[in-house]
Protein backbone atom coordinates (compact mmCIF):
# COMPACT_ATOMS: atom_id res chain seq x y z
CA MET A 1 9.60 13.82 2.98
CA SER A 2 7.43 10.87 3.24
CA PRO A 3 3.39 11.18 4.50
CA ARG A 4 4.50 10.51 7.74
CA GLY A 5 7.38 12.37 8.70
CA PRO A 6 10.97 12.13 7.87
CA GLY A 7 12.66 9.48 6.78
CA VAL A 8 15.26 8.62 9.32
CA VAL A 9 17.94 5.69 9.04
CA ILE A 10 19.02 3.81 12.51
CA ASP A 11 21.43 1.71 12.91
CA THR A 12 20.74 -1.19 13.57
CA ASN A 13 22.30 -1.43 16.56
CA VAL A 14 20.82 1.65 18.01
CA TRP A 15 17.11 -0.29 17.17
CA ILE A 16 18.21 -3.42 18.82
CA SER A 17 19.03 -1.35 22.31
CA GLY A 18 15.58 0.70 21.62
CA LEU A 19 13.62 -2.63 21.51
CA LEU A 20 15.81 -4.23 23.94
CA THR A 21 15.37 -1.58 26.98
CA GLN A 22 12.10 0.40 27.65
CA THR A 23 15.05 3.17 28.45
CA GLY A 24 17.16 5.00 27.48
CA TYR A 25 18.24 7.29 24.52
CA PRO A 26 17.82 4.13 22.21
CA ALA A 27 14.78 3.63 23.10
CA GLN A 28 13.26 7.36 22.73
CA LEU A 29 14.89 7.95 19.45
CA THR A 30 13.59 4.73 17.94
CA ARG A 31 9.99 5.45 19.51
CA GLN A 32 10.16 9.58 18.25
CA ALA A 33 10.92 8.23 14.60
CA VAL A 34 8.04 5.64 14.65
CA ARG A 35 6.49 8.61 15.75
CA ARG A 36 6.95 11.30 14.51
CA GLY A 37 8.82 10.20 11.20
CA GLN A 38 9.82 6.99 9.40
CA PRO A 39 12.35 4.77 9.75
CA VAL A 40 13.97 3.84 6.38
CA PHE A 41 15.40 0.28 5.15
CA SER A 42 16.75 -1.26 2.35
CA ALA A 43 16.62 -5.29 2.04
CA ALA A 44 19.94 -6.11 2.98
CA THR A 45 19.27 -3.55 5.82
CA PHE A 46 16.44 -5.35 7.50
CA ALA A 47 18.57 -8.54 6.43
CA GLU A 48 20.54 -7.43 9.27
CA LEU A 49 18.39 -6.16 11.56
CA LYS A 50 16.40 -9.50 11.72
CA GLU A 51 19.56 -11.52 11.80
CA ARG A 52 21.17 -10.31 14.57
CA LEU A 53 17.72 -10.11 16.47
CA TRP A 54 16.84 -13.29 15.72
CA ARG A 55 20.24 -14.47 17.81
CA PRO A 56 19.92 -16.42 20.74
CA LYS A 57 21.33 -14.72 23.22
CA PHE A 58 18.54 -12.27 22.92
CA ASP A 59 16.40 -14.73 24.26
CA ARG A 60 15.46 -13.69 27.28
CA TYR A 61 14.77 -10.58 26.42
CA LEU A 62 12.34 -11.38 24.20
CA THR A 63 10.39 -13.90 23.16
CA LEU A 64 10.06 -14.97 19.65
CA GLU A 65 6.69 -14.55 19.42
CA GLN A 66 7.76 -10.45 20.14
CA ARG A 67 10.77 -10.28 18.31
CA LYS A 68 8.46 -11.14 15.05
CA ALA A 69 5.31 -8.53 16.09
CA LEU A 70 7.79 -6.09 16.18
CA LEU A 71 9.33 -6.35 13.45
CA GLY A 72 6.55 -6.45 11.61
CA ASP A 73 5.73 -3.77 13.15
CA ILE A 74 8.82 -1.60 12.05
CA GLU A 75 8.47 -3.31 8.48
CA SER A 76 4.72 -2.16 8.03
CA ILE A 77 5.33 1.23 8.82
CA ALA A 78 9.34 1.15 7.16
CA LEU A 79 9.57 3.88 3.98
CA TRP A 80 11.87 1.19 1.83
CA ILE A 81 14.73 2.01 -1.00
CA ASP A 82 16.07 0.59 -3.67
CA VAL A 83 20.17 0.23 -3.44
CA SER A 84 21.57 1.01 -6.80
CA PRO A 85 24.24 -0.65 -8.24
CA ALA A 86 26.46 1.38 -7.94
CA ILE A 87 26.41 1.97 -3.99
CA ALA A 88 25.96 -1.29 -3.04
CA ALA A 89 29.62 -2.52 -5.53
CA ASN A 90 30.80 -0.67 -3.25
CA THR A 91 29.41 -1.23 0.63
CA GLY A 92 29.70 -4.50 2.88
CA SER A 93 27.45 -7.02 3.58
CA TYR A 94 24.54 -5.53 4.90
CA GLY A 95 24.79 -2.06 2.83
CA GLU A 96 27.56 -0.33 5.16
CA PRO A 97 30.16 1.12 3.49
CA SER A 98 33.11 -1.52 2.26
CA SER A 99 36.49 -0.14 4.36
CA ARG A 100 37.99 -0.83 1.07
CA HIS A 101 36.51 2.19 -0.75
CA THR A 102 37.71 4.78 2.38
CA GLY A 103 36.83 7.94 0.63
CA PHE A 104 33.16 6.79 -0.43
CA LEU A 105 31.08 8.89 2.01
């Protein structure tokens, strides 16, 4: 457990939904993860969040400055992990299990 609380891995889609709305379960979950725990990211999973959040379709929800600030806040409190080469070899481009390895998890 980190000094901030338990590490919490949150799916990218949940992060995005939680950042775009103030209400609903994704928003509640992401707020609680930040308040009571510590979001866990690898370089690949954070890159996925950044890449997805920069998409133009989110321009009407968050300004570029808001997105930059949110990503900076998340990055500063995250627990960063390194993914071992053995696990990385069995995952897709963003660190999710590859469909070709059905017994991975």
